[in-house]
Amino acid sequence: ATKETPLAFANALKNSRRNHQIAIGLTACLALVIGYFTLTPMPNLSLAGSDKAHHVIAFAALAMPVAVLYRRALAWMLPSAIAFGGLIEVIQPYVNRHGEWADFIADALGAILGVILGLILRRLFRHMFD
């Protein structure tokens, strides 16, 4: 049974419709989480790393599933992710947060980095998708 498990997993990844659904679903869930944490009052937490690093990581995670599982959607997803980062920064002053150009730039760089890393992962594991 252990020999069949990796094969079953690889075969499941070859189902492009399922991959597209997973990519869009995961990206939507991540967008909701990012939206929640960026548009609610900031807790008094001390997180490791800089604020800009958190923006880069969050938006890289947002873009990566589509880059790995649904490349064709990158044409609309990447601009949407960048616009989402900008929209967050515009809304933040209305929810007692501070919108910053530097955060928007970190969001955009994170989305681009997520696409690049996702495409690299897809290439490294292409045998699982083709």
Protein backbone atom coordinates (compact mmCIF):
# COMPACT_ATOMS: atom_id res chain seq x y z
CA ALA A 1 0.00 0.00 0.00
CA THR A 2 2.89 2.39 0.66
CA LYS A 3 4.09 2.11 -2.96
CA GLU A 4 0.66 3.13 -4.25
CA THR A 5 0.34 6.24 -2.08
CA PRO A 6 2.95 8.39 -3.89
CA LEU A 7 1.60 7.18 -7.23
CA ALA A 8 -1.96 8.03 -6.21
CA PHE A 9 -0.79 11.48 -5.08
CA ALA A 10 1.06 12.06 -8.36
CA ASN A 11 -1.97 10.93 -10.37
CA ALA A 12 -4.21 13.27 -8.37
CA LEU A 13 -1.92 16.20 -9.26
CA LYS A 14 -2.31 15.39 -12.94
CA ASN A 15 -6.03 16.23 -12.72
CA SER A 16 -5.87 19.79 -14.04
CA ARG A 17 -9.47 20.71 -13.15
CA ARG A 18 -8.90 19.64 -9.55
CA ASN A 19 -5.60 21.55 -9.49
CA HIS A 20 -7.34 24.68 -10.74
CA GLN A 21 -10.00 24.36 -8.04
CA ILE A 22 -7.38 23.80 -5.34
CA ALA A 23 -5.29 26.76 -6.53
CA ILE A 24 -8.22 29.18 -6.64
CA GLY A 25 -9.70 27.90 -3.38
CA LEU A 26 -6.41 28.10 -1.51
CA THR A 27 -5.68 31.56 -2.92
CA ALA A 28 -9.16 32.78 -1.93
CA CYS A 29 -8.73 31.41 1.61
CA LEU A 30 -5.33 33.07 1.93
CA ALA A 31 -6.81 36.36 0.65
CA LEU A 32 -9.50 36.18 3.35
CA VAL A 33 -6.88 35.54 6.05
CA ILE A 34 -4.67 38.37 4.78
CA GLY A 35 -7.67 40.69 4.58
CA TYR A 36 -8.73 39.83 8.11
CA PHE A 37 -5.31 40.37 9.65
CA THR A 38 -4.64 43.59 7.75
CA LEU A 39 -8.06 45.20 8.24
CA THR A 40 -8.75 44.46 11.89
CA PRO A 41 -7.22 46.26 14.89
CA MET A 42 -3.60 45.31 15.33
CA PRO A 43 -3.00 43.11 18.37
CA ASN A 44 -0.13 43.92 20.71
CA LEU A 45 1.95 41.00 19.51
CA SER A 46 5.64 40.97 18.95
CA LEU A 47 6.31 38.87 15.87
CA ALA A 48 9.79 37.93 14.73
CA GLY A 49 10.95 39.75 11.63
CA SER A 50 10.04 43.07 10.12
CA ASP A 51 6.60 44.22 9.09
CA LYS A 52 7.72 44.39 5.45
CA ALA A 53 9.00 40.81 5.58
CA HIS A 54 5.55 39.72 6.80
CA HIS A 55 3.97 41.48 3.82
CA VAL A 56 6.36 39.79 1.39
CA ILE A 57 5.74 36.35 2.93
CA ALA A 58 1.95 36.76 3.01
CA PHE A 59 1.69 37.85 -0.62
CA ALA A 60 4.20 35.25 -1.81
CA ALA A 61 1.99 32.62 -0.15
CA LEU A 62 -1.05 34.20 -1.82
CA ALA A 63 0.42 33.94 -5.32
CA MET A 64 2.25 30.62 -5.08
CA PRO A 65 -0.66 28.13 -5.36
CA VAL A 66 -1.77 29.54 -8.69
CA ALA A 67 1.80 29.60 -10.02
CA VAL A 68 2.25 25.94 -9.11
CA LEU A 69 -1.16 24.54 -10.02
CA TYR A 70 -2.84 26.91 -12.51
CA ARG A 71 -0.31 28.90 -14.54
CA ARG A 72 -2.85 30.23 -17.03
CA ALA A 73 -4.60 32.11 -14.22
CA LEU A 74 -1.45 34.13 -13.53
CA ALA A 75 -2.51 36.63 -16.21
CA TRP A 76 -5.33 37.83 -13.95
CA MET A 77 -4.25 36.58 -10.52
CA LEU A 78 -0.93 38.46 -10.28
CA PRO A 79 -2.44 41.87 -11.13
CA SER A 80 -5.35 41.06 -8.80
CA ALA A 81 -3.01 40.19 -5.93
CA ILE A 82 -1.09 43.43 -6.42
CA ALA A 83 -4.34 45.43 -6.61
CA PHE A 84 -5.55 43.63 -3.46
CA GLY A 85 -2.42 44.81 -1.65
CA GLY A 86 -3.08 48.37 -2.81
CA LEU A 87 -6.74 48.20 -1.81
CA ILE A 88 -5.78 47.06 1.67
CA GLU A 89 -3.46 50.04 2.07
CA VAL A 90 -6.22 52.41 0.90
CA ILE A 91 -8.79 50.93 3.31
CA GLN A 92 -6.53 50.70 6.37
CA PRO A 93 -6.87 54.36 7.44
CA TYR A 94 -10.65 53.81 7.68
CA VAL A 95 -10.19 50.94 10.15
CA ASN A 96 -7.72 52.68 12.47
CA ARG A 97 -4.65 51.28 10.74
CA HIS A 98 -1.98 53.03 8.70
CA GLY A 99 -1.71 52.50 4.98
CA GLU A 100 1.84 52.75 3.67
CA TRP A 101 3.40 52.84 0.23
CA ALA A 102 6.22 50.67 1.54
CA ASP A 103 3.68 47.99 2.56
CA PHE A 104 2.13 48.10 -0.91
CA ILE A 105 5.56 47.69 -2.51
CA ALA A 106 6.32 44.76 -0.16
CA ASP A 107 2.95 43.20 -1.12
CA ALA A 108 3.70 43.56 -4.84
CA LEU A 109 7.23 42.19 -4.46
CA GLY A 110 5.88 39.30 -2.41
CA ALA A 111 3.29 38.43 -5.07
CA ILE A 112 5.98 38.51 -7.77
CA LEU A 113 8.32 36.41 -5.61
CA GLY A 114 5.51 33.91 -4.98
CA VAL A 115 4.94 33.54 -8.71
CA ILE A 116 8.65 33.04 -9.37
CA LEU A 117 9.02 30.48 -6.57
CA GLY A 118 5.82 28.73 -7.62
CA LEU A 119 6.99 28.43 -11.22
CA ILE A 120 10.34 27.08 -10.03
CA LEU A 121 8.57 24.48 -7.89
CA ARG A 122 6.32 23.55 -10.79
CA ARG A 123 9.37 23.09 -13.02
CA LEU A 124 11.25 21.04 -10.41
CA PHE A 125 8.25 18.75 -9.94
CA ARG A 126 6.91 18.86 -13.52
CA HIS A 127 6.84 15.08 -13.67
CA MET A 128 4.02 15.23 -11.14
CA PHE A 129 1.90 17.54 -13.32
CA ASP A 130 2.46 16.25 -16.87
